[in-house]
Amino acid sequence: MTESLFAPIIAIFSGITLFLLSVFVIWWLFSRRANYGRGRRITMSQRDILASYNVINKDASKISEIMKAEPFDESRINEAKFLAERINENAEKMKKYVSQGIEKIGKYDVIKKYNKEFKK
């Protein structure tokens, strides 16, 4: 009599346990996938920022070298103007990519959580 009473209870408990375990495994897989996506987006944004910095820094170094040269004539002034315009164009081009990447990173829940903690 008692064996027939415990059998449905054990079956229900086993079913609930298997259900909760499967929900946990599915949640873990999705969170792992989401973390991978976040890491990839952050890496891409870091790469874009570094590339834009290197391009601008290279042209700024050239302008600095032109300004240090002794025979400062009209051709050097024109070259410096050209490089300054190129810096401006490159900065505008990179602004789009960098701002889009940072905006996408800012949408992640983890980033919002950390921002709330830092504001305290």
PDB file of N, CA and C in Angstrom:
ATOM      1  N   MET A   1       0.814  -1.190   0.000  1.00  0.00           N
ATOM      2  CA  MET A   1       0.000   0.000   0.000  1.00  0.00           C
ATOM      3  C   MET A   1       0.859   1.256   0.000  1.00  0.00           C
ATOM      4  N   THR A   2       1.900   1.273   0.856  1.00  0.00           N
ATOM      5  CA  THR A   2       2.744   2.458   0.918  1.00  0.00           C
ATOM      6  C   THR A   2       3.608   2.589  -0.328  1.00  0.00           C
ATOM      7  N   GLU A   3       3.965   1.454  -0.960  1.00  0.00           N
ATOM      8  CA  GLU A   3       4.756   1.528  -2.190  1.00  0.00           C
ATOM      9  C   GLU A   3       3.960   2.195  -3.299  1.00  0.00           C
ATOM     10  N   SER A   4       2.703   1.922  -3.399  1.00  0.00           N
ATOM     11  CA  SER A   4       1.880   2.539  -4.438  1.00  0.00           C
ATOM     12  C   SER A   4       1.637   4.019  -4.158  1.00  0.00           C
ATOM     13  N   LEU A   5       1.760   4.449  -2.922  1.00  0.00           N
ATOM     14  CA  LEU A   5       1.585   5.849  -2.564  1.00  0.00           C
ATOM     15  C   LEU A   5       2.831   6.670  -2.888  1.00  0.00           C
ATOM     16  N   PHE A   6       3.999   6.084  -2.685  1.00  0.00           N
ATOM     17  CA  PHE A   6       5.248   6.816  -2.935  1.00  0.00           C
ATOM     18  C   PHE A   6       5.639   6.868  -4.410  1.00  0.00           C
ATOM     19  N   ALA A   7       5.189   5.946  -5.190  1.00  0.00           N
ATOM     20  CA  ALA A   7       5.562   5.898  -6.611  1.00  0.00           C
ATOM     21  C   ALA A   7       5.145   7.167  -7.356  1.00  0.00           C
ATOM     22  N   PRO A   8       3.897   7.662  -7.238  1.00  0.00           N
ATOM     23  CA  PRO A   8       3.549   8.902  -7.949  1.00  0.00           C
ATOM     24  C   PRO A   8       4.293  10.126  -7.405  1.00  0.00           C
ATOM     25  N   ILE A   9       4.544  10.140  -6.102  1.00  0.00           N
ATOM     26  CA  ILE A   9       5.275  11.269  -5.522  1.00  0.00           C
ATOM     27  C   ILE A   9       6.703  11.308  -6.061  1.00  0.00           C
ATOM     28  N   ILE A  10       7.339  10.166  -6.135  1.00  0.00           N
ATOM     29  CA  ILE A  10       8.708  10.100  -6.665  1.00  0.00           C
ATOM     30  C   ILE A  10       8.710  10.453  -8.144  1.00  0.00           C
ATOM     31  N   ALA A  11       7.708  10.012  -8.892  1.00  0.00           N
ATOM     32  CA  ALA A  11       7.620  10.331 -10.320  1.00  0.00           C
ATOM     33  C   ALA A  11       7.451  11.838 -10.527  1.00  0.00           C
ATOM     34  N   ILE A  12       6.585  12.462  -9.729  1.00  0.00           N
ATOM     35  CA  ILE A  12       6.373  13.915  -9.841  1.00  0.00           C
ATOM     36  C   ILE A  12       7.640  14.666  -9.453  1.00  0.00           C
ATOM     37  N   PHE A  13       8.261  14.278  -8.364  1.00  0.00           N
ATOM     38  CA  PHE A  13       9.505  14.927  -7.931  1.00  0.00           C
ATOM     39  C   PHE A  13      10.600  14.769  -8.979  1.00  0.00           C
ATOM     40  N   SER A  14      10.728  13.593  -9.563  1.00  0.00           N
ATOM     41  CA  SER A  14      11.731  13.353 -10.607  1.00  0.00           C
ATOM     42  C   SER A  14      11.440  14.205 -11.835  1.00  0.00           C
ATOM     43  N   GLY A  15      10.184  14.313 -12.207  1.00  0.00           N
ATOM     44  CA  GLY A  15       9.813  15.134 -13.364  1.00  0.00           C
ATOM     45  C   GLY A  15      10.129  16.600 -13.146  1.00  0.00           C
ATOM     46  N   ILE A  16       9.799  17.112 -11.971  1.00  0.00           N
ATOM     47  CA  ILE A  16      10.098  18.514 -11.653  1.00  0.00           C
ATOM     48  C   ILE A  16      11.601  18.747 -11.642  1.00  0.00           C
ATOM     49  N   THR A  17      12.343  17.803 -11.081  1.00  0.00           N
ATOM     50  CA  THR A  17      13.800  17.939 -11.034  1.00  0.00           C
ATOM     51  C   THR A  17      14.395  17.948 -12.439  1.00  0.00           C
ATOM     52  N   LEU A  18      13.949  17.039 -13.297  1.00  0.00           N
ATOM     53  CA  LEU A  18      14.451  17.010 -14.674  1.00  0.00           C
ATOM     54  C   LEU A  18      14.073  18.282 -15.431  1.00  0.00           C
ATOM     55  N   PHE A  19      12.856  18.777 -15.212  1.00  0.00           N
ATOM     56  CA  PHE A  19      12.426  20.009 -15.861  1.00  0.00           C
ATOM     57  C   PHE A  19      13.286  21.192 -15.434  1.00  0.00           C
ATOM     58  N   LEU A  20      13.496  21.331 -14.137  1.00  0.00           N
ATOM     59  CA  LEU A  20      14.316  22.442 -13.643  1.00  0.00           C
ATOM     60  C   LEU A  20      15.761  22.329 -14.104  1.00  0.00           C
ATOM     61  N   LEU A  21      16.273  21.127 -14.151  1.00  0.00           N
ATOM     62  CA  LEU A  21      17.637  20.917 -14.635  1.00  0.00           C
ATOM     63  C   LEU A  21      17.757  21.285 -16.111  1.00  0.00           C
ATOM     64  N   SER A  22      16.783  20.903 -16.908  1.00  0.00           N
ATOM     65  CA  SER A  22      16.828  21.246 -18.335  1.00  0.00           C
ATOM     66  C   SER A  22      16.687  22.751 -18.542  1.00  0.00           C
ATOM     67  N   VAL A  23      15.860  23.421 -17.753  1.00  0.00           N
ATOM     68  CA  VAL A  23      15.729  24.884 -17.853  1.00  0.00           C
ATOM     69  C   VAL A  23      17.050  25.548 -17.497  1.00  0.00           C
ATOM     70  N   PHE A  24      17.703  25.063 -16.464  1.00  0.00           N
ATOM     71  CA  PHE A  24      18.995  25.624 -16.072  1.00  0.00           C
ATOM     72  C   PHE A  24      20.038  25.449 -17.166  1.00  0.00           C
ATOM     73  N   VAL A  25      20.095  24.273 -17.774  1.00  0.00           N
ATOM     74  CA  VAL A  25      21.083  24.015 -18.837  1.00  0.00           C
ATOM     75  C   VAL A  25      20.810  24.908 -20.041  1.00  0.00           C
ATOM     76  N   ILE A  26      19.545  25.056 -20.417  1.00  0.00           N
ATOM     77  CA  ILE A  26      19.200  25.931 -21.551  1.00  0.00           C
ATOM     78  C   ILE A  26      19.563  27.381 -21.229  1.00  0.00           C
ATOM     79  N   TRP A  27      19.262  27.848 -20.026  1.00  0.00           N
ATOM     80  CA  TRP A  27      19.619  29.216 -19.626  1.00  0.00           C
ATOM     81  C   TRP A  27      21.128  29.404 -19.667  1.00  0.00           C
ATOM     82  N   TRP A  28      21.873  28.413 -19.185  1.00  0.00           N
ATOM     83  CA  TRP A  28      23.324  28.500 -19.166  1.00  0.00           C
ATOM     84  C   TRP A  28      23.884  28.591 -20.580  1.00  0.00           C
ATOM     85  N   LEU A  29      23.344  27.798 -21.511  1.00  0.00           N
ATOM     86  CA  LEU A  29      23.814  27.847 -22.896  1.00  0.00           C
ATOM     87  C   LEU A  29      23.528  29.206 -23.537  1.00  0.00           C
ATOM     88  N   PHE A  30      22.332  29.747 -23.313  1.00  0.00           N
ATOM     89  CA  PHE A  30      21.997  31.054 -23.883  1.00  0.00           C
ATOM     90  C   PHE A  30      22.845  32.168 -23.277  1.00  0.00           C
ATOM     91  N   SER A  31      23.092  32.113 -21.989  1.00  0.00           N
ATOM     92  CA  SER A  31      23.910  33.159 -21.380  1.00  0.00           C
ATOM     93  C   SER A  31      25.355  33.068 -21.860  1.00  0.00           C
ATOM     94  N   ARG A  32      25.837  31.868 -22.070  1.00  0.00           N
ATOM     95  CA  ARG A  32      27.197  31.700 -22.594  1.00  0.00           C
ATOM     96  C   ARG A  32      27.306  32.257 -24.004  1.00  0.00           C
ATOM     97  N   ARG A  33      26.286  32.011 -24.810  1.00  0.00           N
ATOM     98  CA  ARG A  33      26.262  32.540 -26.175  1.00  0.00           C
ATOM     99  C   ARG A  33      26.189  34.069 -26.158  1.00  0.00           C
ATOM    100  N   ALA A  34      25.385  34.619 -25.260  1.00  0.00           N
ATOM    101  CA  ALA A  34      25.268  36.071 -25.156  1.00  0.00           C
ATOM    102  C   ALA A  34      26.585  36.698 -24.702  1.00  0.00           C
ATOM    103  N   ASN A  35      27.274  36.064 -23.769  1.00  0.00           N
ATOM    104  CA  ASN A  35      28.579  36.569 -23.318  1.00  0.00           C
ATOM    105  C   ASN A  35      29.589  36.547 -24.447  1.00  0.00           C
ATOM    106  N   TYR A  36      29.560  35.522 -25.271  1.00  0.00           N
ATOM    107  CA  TYR A  36      30.468  35.456 -26.417  1.00  0.00           C
ATOM    108  C   TYR A  36      30.188  36.610 -27.376  1.00  0.00           C
ATOM    109  N   GLY A  37      28.907  36.879 -27.631  1.00  0.00           N
ATOM    110  CA  GLY A  37      28.543  37.993 -28.516  1.00  0.00           C
ATOM    111  C   GLY A  37      28.983  39.332 -27.953  1.00  0.00           C
ATOM    112  N   ARG A  38      28.815  39.509 -26.646  1.00  0.00           N
ATOM    113  CA  ARG A  38      29.259  40.755 -26.012  1.00  0.00           C
ATOM    114  C   ARG A  38      30.762  40.927 -26.138  1.00  0.00           C
ATOM    115  N   GLY A  39      31.483  39.868 -25.859  1.00  0.00           N
ATOM    116  CA  GLY A  39      32.947  39.936 -25.962  1.00  0.00           C
ATOM    117  C   GLY A  39      33.408  40.258 -27.365  1.00  0.00           C
ATOM    118  N   ARG A  40      32.743  39.667 -28.340  1.00  0.00           N
ATOM    119  CA  ARG A  40      33.092  39.934 -29.734  1.00  0.00           C
ATOM    120  C   ARG A  40      32.819  41.386 -30.101  1.00  0.00           C
ATOM    121  N   ARG A  41      31.690  41.920 -29.668  1.00  0.00           N
ATOM    122  CA  ARG A  41      31.345  43.312 -29.970  1.00  0.00           C
ATOM    123  C   ARG A  41      32.322  44.264 -29.288  1.00  0.00           C
ATOM    124  N   ILE A  42      32.700  43.974 -28.072  1.00  0.00           N
ATOM    125  CA  ILE A  42      33.664  44.821 -27.357  1.00  0.00           C
ATOM    126  C   ILE A  42      35.016  44.778 -28.050  1.00  0.00           C
ATOM    127  N   THR A  43      35.433  43.600 -28.483  1.00  0.00           N
ATOM    128  CA  THR A  43      36.707  43.474 -29.191  1.00  0.00           C
ATOM    129  C   THR A  43      36.686  44.255 -30.502  1.00  0.00           C
ATOM    130  N   MET A  44      35.574  44.187 -31.223  1.00  0.00           N
ATOM    131  CA  MET A  44      35.474  44.935 -32.476  1.00  0.00           C
ATOM    132  C   MET A  44      35.527  46.437 -32.224  1.00  0.00           C
ATOM    133  N   SER A  45      34.867  46.894 -31.177  1.00  0.00           N
ATOM    134  CA  SER A  45      34.881  48.327 -30.868  1.00  0.00           C
ATOM    135  C   SER A  45      36.279  48.779 -30.445  1.00  0.00           C
ATOM    136  N   GLN A  46      36.975  47.959 -29.677  1.00  0.00           N
ATOM    137  CA  GLN A  46      38.349  48.294 -29.297  1.00  0.00           C
ATOM    138  C   GLN A  46      39.235  48.388 -30.528  1.00  0.00           C
ATOM    139  N   ARG A  47      39.060  47.460 -31.453  1.00  0.00           N
ATOM    140  CA  ARG A  47      39.850  47.464 -32.676  1.00  0.00           C
ATOM    141  C   ARG A  47      39.571  48.727 -33.496  1.00  0.00           C
ATOM    142  N   ASP A  48      38.292  49.113 -33.606  1.00  0.00           N
ATOM    143  CA  ASP A  48      37.945  50.318 -34.360  1.00  0.00           C
ATOM    144  C   ASP A  48      38.538  51.566 -33.718  1.00  0.00           C
ATOM    145  N   ILE A  49      38.473  51.654 -32.408  1.00  0.00           N
ATOM    146  CA  ILE A  49      39.033  52.821 -31.711  1.00  0.00           C
ATOM    147  C   ILE A  49      40.543  52.882 -31.897  1.00  0.00           C
ATOM    148  N   LEU A  50      41.211  51.748 -31.773  1.00  0.00           N
ATOM    149  CA  LEU A  50      42.658  51.712 -31.942  1.00  0.00           C
ATOM    150  C   LEU A  50      43.063  52.067 -33.368  1.00  0.00           C
ATOM    151  N   ALA A  51      42.316  51.561 -34.347  1.00  0.00           N
ATOM    152  CA  ALA A  51      42.627  51.872 -35.747  1.00  0.00           C
ATOM    153  C   ALA A  51      42.448  53.357 -36.027  1.00  0.00           C
ATOM    154  N   SER A  52      41.367  53.953 -35.514  1.00  0.00           N
ATOM    155  CA  SER A  52      41.161  55.380 -35.748  1.00  0.00           C
ATOM    156  C   SER A  52      42.242  56.206 -35.064  1.00  0.00           C
ATOM    157  N   TYR A  53      42.639  55.805 -33.878  1.00  0.00           N
ATOM    158  CA  TYR A  53      43.717  56.516 -33.180  1.00  0.00           C
ATOM    159  C   TYR A  53      45.015  56.435 -33.981  1.00  0.00           C
ATOM    160  N   ASN A  54      45.348  55.261 -34.488  1.00  0.00           N
ATOM    161  CA  ASN A  54      46.598  55.105 -35.244  1.00  0.00           C
ATOM    162  C   ASN A  54      46.601  55.940 -36.509  1.00  0.00           C
ATOM    163  N   VAL A  55      45.475  55.989 -37.216  1.00  0.00           N
ATOM    164  CA  VAL A  55      45.400  56.781 -38.453  1.00  0.00           C
ATOM    165  C   VAL A  55      45.578  58.262 -38.137  1.00  0.00           C
ATOM    166  N   ILE A  56      44.891  58.740 -37.128  1.00  0.00           N
ATOM    167  CA  ILE A  56      44.984  60.162 -36.774  1.00  0.00           C
ATOM    168  C   ILE A  56      46.365  60.488 -36.217  1.00  0.00           C
ATOM    169  N   ASN A  57      46.912  59.605 -35.408  1.00  0.00           N
ATOM    170  CA  ASN A  57      48.231  59.834 -34.821  1.00  0.00           C
ATOM    171  C   ASN A  57      49.318  59.888 -35.897  1.00  0.00           C
ATOM    172  N   LYS A  58      49.216  59.042 -36.906  1.00  0.00           N
ATOM    173  CA  LYS A  58      50.204  59.031 -37.985  1.00  0.00           C
ATOM    174  C   LYS A  58      50.217  60.366 -38.734  1.00  0.00           C
ATOM    175  N   ASP A  59      49.021  60.868 -39.079  1.00  0.00           N
ATOM    176  CA  ASP A  59      48.953  62.148 -39.786  1.00  0.00           C
ATOM    177  C   ASP A  59      49.378  63.310 -38.895  1.00  0.00           C
ATOM    178  N   ALA A  60      49.035  63.252 -37.616  1.00  0.00           N
ATOM    179  CA  ALA A  60      49.444  64.318 -36.695  1.00  0.00           C
ATOM    180  C   ALA A  60      50.963  64.325 -36.524  1.00  0.00           C
ATOM    181  N   SER A  61      51.579  63.146 -36.521  1.00  0.00           N
ATOM    182  CA  SER A  61      53.045  63.078 -36.432  1.00  0.00           C
ATOM    183  C   SER A  61      53.697  63.687 -37.664  1.00  0.00           C
ATOM    184  N   LYS A  62      53.105  63.443 -38.817  1.00  0.00           N
ATOM    185  CA  LYS A  62      53.644  64.033 -40.048  1.00  0.00           C
ATOM    186  C   LYS A  62      53.544  65.557 -40.012  1.00  0.00           C
ATOM    187  N   ILE A  63      52.426  66.066 -39.514  1.00  0.00           N
ATOM    188  CA  ILE A  63      52.269  67.518 -39.393  1.00  0.00           C
ATOM    189  C   ILE A  63      53.315  68.074 -38.432  1.00  0.00           C
ATOM    190  N   SER A  64      53.552  67.370 -37.348  1.00  0.00           N
ATOM    191  CA  SER A  64      54.551  67.807 -36.377  1.00  0.00           C
ATOM    192  C   SER A  64      55.940  67.851 -37.009  1.00  0.00           C
ATOM    193  N   GLU A  65      56.270  66.838 -37.801  1.00  0.00           N
ATOM    194  CA  GLU A  65      57.569  66.829 -38.485  1.00  0.00           C
ATOM    195  C   GLU A  65      57.676  67.974 -39.480  1.00  0.00           C
ATOM    196  N   ILE A  66      56.601  68.277 -40.180  1.00  0.00           N
ATOM    197  CA  ILE A  66      56.608  69.383 -41.143  1.00  0.00           C
ATOM    198  C   ILE A  66      56.829  70.709 -40.429  1.00  0.00           C
ATOM    199  N   MET A  67      56.199  70.875 -39.269  1.00  0.00           N
ATOM    200  CA  MET A  67      56.325  72.129 -38.535  1.00  0.00           C
ATOM    201  C   MET A  67      57.725  72.314 -37.963  1.00  0.00           C
ATOM    202  N   LYS A  68      58.448  71.223 -37.685  1.00  0.00           N
ATOM    203  CA  LYS A  68      59.781  71.311 -37.109  1.00  0.00           C
ATOM    204  C   LYS A  68      60.849  71.603 -38.162  1.00  0.00           C
ATOM    205  N   ALA A  69      60.550  71.352 -39.416  1.00  0.00           N
ATOM    206  CA  ALA A  69      61.547  71.527 -40.475  1.00  0.00           C
ATOM    207  C   ALA A  69      61.858  73.015 -40.647  1.00  0.00           C
ATOM    208  N   GLU A  70      63.134  73.297 -40.917  1.00  0.00           N
ATOM    209  CA  GLU A  70      63.614  74.675 -41.013  1.00  0.00           C
ATOM    210  C   GLU A  70      63.104  75.417 -42.247  1.00  0.00           C
ATOM    211  N   PRO A  71      63.366  74.931 -43.439  1.00  0.00           N
ATOM    212  CA  PRO A  71      62.872  75.743 -44.569  1.00  0.00           C
ATOM    213  C   PRO A  71      61.353  75.602 -44.679  1.00  0.00           C
ATOM    214  N   PHE A  72      60.654  76.496 -44.002  1.00  0.00           N
ATOM    215  CA  PHE A  72      59.197  76.426 -43.960  1.00  0.00           C
ATOM    216  C   PHE A  72      58.642  77.262 -45.097  1.00  0.00           C
ATOM    217  N   ASP A  73      58.280  76.587 -46.192  1.00  0.00           N
ATOM    218  CA  ASP A  73      57.811  77.303 -47.366  1.00  0.00           C
ATOM    219  C   ASP A  73      56.344  76.945 -47.660  1.00  0.00           C
ATOM    220  N   GLU A  74      55.873  77.440 -48.790  1.00  0.00           N
ATOM    221  CA  GLU A  74      54.465  77.269 -49.162  1.00  0.00           C
ATOM    222  C   GLU A  74      54.093  75.798 -49.379  1.00  0.00           C
ATOM    223  N   SER A  75      55.011  75.006 -49.903  1.00  0.00           N
ATOM    224  CA  SER A  75      54.699  73.585 -50.146  1.00  0.00           C
ATOM    225  C   SER A  75      54.494  72.830 -48.833  1.00  0.00           C
ATOM    226  N   ARG A  76      55.272  73.170 -47.829  1.00  0.00           N
ATOM    227  CA  ARG A  76      55.097  72.525 -46.514  1.00  0.00           C
ATOM    228  C   ARG A  76      53.783  72.963 -45.864  1.00  0.00           C
ATOM    229  N   ILE A  77      53.415  74.212 -46.041  1.00  0.00           N
ATOM    230  CA  ILE A  77      52.141  74.699 -45.508  1.00  0.00           C
ATOM    231  C   ILE A  77      50.984  73.956 -46.180  1.00  0.00           C
ATOM    232  N   ASN A  78      51.059  73.786 -47.497  1.00  0.00           N
ATOM    233  CA  ASN A  78      50.008  73.075 -48.223  1.00  0.00           C
ATOM    234  C   ASN A  78      49.937  71.604 -47.788  1.00  0.00           C
ATOM    235  N   GLU A  79      51.096  70.997 -47.575  1.00  0.00           N
ATOM    236  CA  GLU A  79      51.115  69.603 -47.134  1.00  0.00           C
ATOM    237  C   GLU A  79      50.498  69.477 -45.735  1.00  0.00           C
ATOM    238  N   ALA A  80      50.798  70.424 -44.848  1.00  0.00           N
ATOM    239  CA  ALA A  80      50.226  70.410 -43.501  1.00  0.00           C
ATOM    240  C   ALA A  80      48.713  70.614 -43.555  1.00  0.00           C
ATOM    241  N   LYS A  81      48.244  71.499 -44.434  1.00  0.00           N
ATOM    242  CA  LYS A  81      46.812  71.713 -44.596  1.00  0.00           C
ATOM    243  C   LYS A  81      46.126  70.440 -45.099  1.00  0.00           C
ATOM    244  N   PHE A  82      46.770  69.792 -46.083  1.00  0.00           N
ATOM    245  CA  PHE A  82      46.216  68.548 -46.615  1.00  0.00           C
ATOM    246  C   PHE A  82      46.106  67.487 -45.527  1.00  0.00           C
ATOM    247  N   LEU A  83      47.164  67.340 -44.734  1.00  0.00           N
ATOM    248  CA  LEU A  83      47.140  66.344 -43.656  1.00  0.00           C
ATOM    249  C   LEU A  83      46.091  66.678 -42.605  1.00  0.00           C
ATOM    250  N   ALA A  84      45.928  67.966 -42.301  1.00  0.00           N
ATOM    251  CA  ALA A  84      44.911  68.366 -41.324  1.00  0.00           C
ATOM    252  C   ALA A  84      43.505  68.060 -41.851  1.00  0.00           C
ATOM    253  N   GLU A  85      43.276  68.299 -43.127  1.00  0.00           N
ATOM    254  CA  GLU A  85      41.983  67.959 -43.710  1.00  0.00           C
ATOM    255  C   GLU A  85      41.759  66.451 -43.711  1.00  0.00           C
ATOM    256  N   ARG A  86      42.817  65.689 -43.959  1.00  0.00           N
ATOM    257  CA  ARG A  86      42.704  64.230 -43.953  1.00  0.00           C
ATOM    258  C   ARG A  86      42.411  63.714 -42.543  1.00  0.00           C
ATOM    259  N   ILE A  87      43.013  64.341 -41.539  1.00  0.00           N
ATOM    260  CA  ILE A  87      42.708  63.973 -40.155  1.00  0.00           C
ATOM    261  C   ILE A  87      41.226  64.205 -39.878  1.00  0.00           C
ATOM    262  N   ASN A  88      40.725  65.347 -40.320  1.00  0.00           N
ATOM    263  CA  ASN A  88      39.314  65.671 -40.098  1.00  0.00           C
ATOM    264  C   ASN A  88      38.395  64.672 -40.809  1.00  0.00           C
ATOM    265  N   GLU A  89      38.711  64.321 -42.050  1.00  0.00           N
ATOM    266  CA  GLU A  89      37.897  63.356 -42.797  1.00  0.00           C
ATOM    267  C   GLU A  89      37.926  61.976 -42.132  1.00  0.00           C
ATOM    268  N   ASN A  90      39.113  61.530 -41.742  1.00  0.00           N
ATOM    269  CA  ASN A  90      39.232  60.223 -41.099  1.00  0.00           C
ATOM    270  C   ASN A  90      38.500  60.191 -39.761  1.00  0.00           C
ATOM    271  N   ALA A  91      38.566  61.291 -39.031  1.00  0.00           N
ATOM    272  CA  ALA A  91      37.860  61.349 -37.745  1.00  0.00           C
ATOM    273  C   ALA A  91      36.350  61.256 -37.959  1.00  0.00           C
ATOM    274  N   GLU A  92      35.846  61.917 -38.977  1.00  0.00           N
ATOM    275  CA  GLU A  92      34.410  61.853 -39.267  1.00  0.00           C
ATOM    276  C   GLU A  92      33.991  60.451 -39.703  1.00  0.00           C
ATOM    277  N   LYS A  93      34.820  59.793 -40.517  1.00  0.00           N
ATOM    278  CA  LYS A  93      34.506  58.432 -40.952  1.00  0.00           C
ATOM    279  C   LYS A  93      34.507  57.462 -39.776  1.00  0.00           C
ATOM    280  N   MET A  94      35.514  57.574 -38.926  1.00  0.00           N
ATOM    281  CA  MET A  94      35.632  56.656 -37.798  1.00  0.00           C
ATOM    282  C   MET A  94      34.581  56.927 -36.725  1.00  0.00           C
ATOM    283  N   LYS A  95      34.120  58.166 -36.637  1.00  0.00           N
ATOM    284  CA  LYS A  95      33.118  58.522 -35.634  1.00  0.00           C
ATOM    285  C   LYS A  95      31.876  57.646 -35.785  1.00  0.00           C
ATOM    286  N   LYS A  96      31.480  57.382 -37.027  1.00  0.00           N
ATOM    287  CA  LYS A  96      30.296  56.576 -37.277  1.00  0.00           C
ATOM    288  C   LYS A  96      30.470  55.161 -36.727  1.00  0.00           C
ATOM    289  N   TYR A  97      31.579  54.524 -37.063  1.00  0.00           N
ATOM    290  CA  TYR A  97      31.797  53.142 -36.646  1.00  0.00           C
ATOM    291  C   TYR A  97      31.991  53.028 -35.133  1.00  0.00           C
ATOM    292  N   VAL A  98      32.762  53.929 -34.585  1.00  0.00           N
ATOM    293  CA  VAL A  98      33.041  53.874 -33.145  1.00  0.00           C
ATOM    294  C   VAL A  98      31.772  54.137 -32.345  1.00  0.00           C
ATOM    295  N   SER A  99      31.004  55.138 -32.733  1.00  0.00           N
ATOM    296  CA  SER A  99      29.799  55.458 -31.982  1.00  0.00           C
ATOM    297  C   SER A  99      28.762  54.347 -32.094  1.00  0.00           C
ATOM    298  N   GLN A 100      28.662  53.698 -33.266  1.00  0.00           N
ATOM    299  CA  GLN A 100      27.725  52.580 -33.410  1.00  0.00           C
ATOM    300  C   GLN A 100      28.129  51.413 -32.517  1.00  0.00           C
ATOM    301  N   GLY A 101      29.421  51.112 -32.481  1.00  0.00           N
ATOM    302  CA  GLY A 101      29.891  50.008 -31.649  1.00  0.00           C
ATOM    303  C   GLY A 101      29.665  50.259 -30.178  1.00  0.00           C
ATOM    304  N   ILE A 102      29.950  51.466 -29.734  1.00  0.00           N
ATOM    305  CA  ILE A 102      29.767  51.803 -28.323  1.00  0.00           C
ATOM    306  C   ILE A 102      28.281  51.820 -27.976  1.00  0.00           C
ATOM    307  N   GLU A 103      27.453  52.279 -28.898  1.00  0.00           N
ATOM    308  CA  GLU A 103      26.012  52.292 -28.658  1.00  0.00           C
ATOM    309  C   GLU A 103      25.475  50.866 -28.500  1.00  0.00           C
ATOM    310  N   LYS A 104      25.953  49.938 -29.330  1.00  0.00           N
ATOM    311  CA  LYS A 104      25.519  48.544 -29.219  1.00  0.00           C
ATOM    312  C   LYS A 104      25.990  47.923 -27.914  1.00  0.00           C
ATOM    313  N   ILE A 105      27.200  48.246 -27.494  1.00  0.00           N
ATOM    314  CA  ILE A 105      27.706  47.718 -26.227  1.00  0.00           C
ATOM    315  C   ILE A 105      26.875  48.256 -25.070  1.00  0.00           C
ATOM    316  N   GLY A 106      26.479  49.523 -25.154  1.00  0.00           N
ATOM    317  CA  GLY A 106      25.700  50.146 -24.090  1.00  0.00           C
ATOM    318  C   GLY A 106      24.317  49.547 -23.907  1.00  0.00           C
ATOM    319  N   LYS A 107      23.829  48.818 -24.898  1.00  0.00           N
ATOM    320  CA  LYS A 107      22.504  48.205 -24.796  1.00  0.00           C
ATOM    321  C   LYS A 107      22.503  46.914 -23.995  1.00  0.00           C
ATOM    322  N   TYR A 108      23.662  46.368 -23.727  1.00  0.00           N
ATOM    323  CA  TYR A 108      23.723  45.109 -22.989  1.00  0.00           C
ATOM    324  C   TYR A 108      23.339  45.327 -21.534  1.00  0.00           C
ATOM    325  N   ASP A 109      22.623  44.392 -20.973  1.00  0.00           N
ATOM    326  CA  ASP A 109      22.158  44.491 -19.587  1.00  0.00           C
ATOM    327  C   ASP A 109      23.314  44.536 -18.597  1.00  0.00           C
ATOM    328  N   VAL A 110      24.386  43.827 -18.893  1.00  0.00           N
ATOM    329  CA  VAL A 110      25.523  43.782 -17.975  1.00  0.00           C
ATOM    330  C   VAL A 110      26.128  45.171 -17.826  1.00  0.00           C
ATOM    331  N   ILE A 111      26.251  45.890 -18.917  1.00  0.00           N
ATOM    332  CA  ILE A 111      26.819  47.239 -18.884  1.00  0.00           C
ATOM    333  C   ILE A 111      25.902  48.161 -18.077  1.00  0.00           C
ATOM    334  N   LYS A 112      24.603  48.047 -18.255  1.00  0.00           N
ATOM    335  CA  LYS A 112      23.674  48.887 -17.502  1.00  0.00           C
ATOM    336  C   LYS A 112      23.783  48.600 -16.008  1.00  0.00           C
ATOM    337  N   LYS A 113      23.950  47.334 -15.669  1.00  0.00           N
ATOM    338  CA  LYS A 113      24.076  46.957 -14.260  1.00  0.00           C
ATOM    339  C   LYS A 113      25.320  47.596 -13.651  1.00  0.00           C
ATOM    340  N   TYR A 114      26.444  47.523 -14.372  1.00  0.00           N
ATOM    341  CA  TYR A 114      27.672  48.112 -13.857  1.00  0.00           C
ATOM    342  C   TYR A 114      27.570  49.623 -13.773  1.00  0.00           C
ATOM    343  N   ASN A 115      26.902  50.267 -14.716  1.00  0.00           N
ATOM    344  CA  ASN A 115      26.729  51.711 -14.666  1.00  0.00           C
ATOM    345  C   ASN A 115      25.937  52.115 -13.439  1.00  0.00           C
ATOM    346  N   LYS A 116      24.912  51.346 -13.106  1.00  0.00           N
ATOM    347  CA  LYS A 116      24.121  51.662 -11.911  1.00  0.00           C
ATOM    348  C   LYS A 116      24.968  51.518 -10.657  1.00  0.00           C
ATOM    349  N   GLU A 117      25.844  50.524 -10.613  1.00  0.00           N
ATOM    350  CA  GLU A 117      26.691  50.329  -9.452  1.00  0.00           C
ATOM    351  C   GLU A 117      27.700  51.457  -9.303  1.00  0.00           C
ATOM    352  N   PHE A 118      28.233  51.961 -10.421  1.00  0.00           N
ATOM    353  CA  PHE A 118      29.220  53.031 -10.348  1.00  0.00           C
ATOM    354  C   PHE A 118      28.597  54.363  -9.971  1.00  0.00           C
ATOM    355  N   LYS A 119      27.315  54.556 -10.253  1.00  0.00           N
ATOM    356  CA  LYS A 119      26.656  55.813  -9.935  1.00  0.00           C
ATOM    357  C   LYS A 119      26.319  55.950  -8.463  1.00  0.00           C
ATOM    358  N   LYS A 120      26.370  54.841  -7.724  1.00  0.00           N
ATOM    359  CA  LYS A 120      26.041  54.885  -6.301  1.00  0.00           C
ATOM    360  C   LYS A 120      27.049  55.663  -5.513  1.00  0.00           C
TER     361      LYS A 120
END
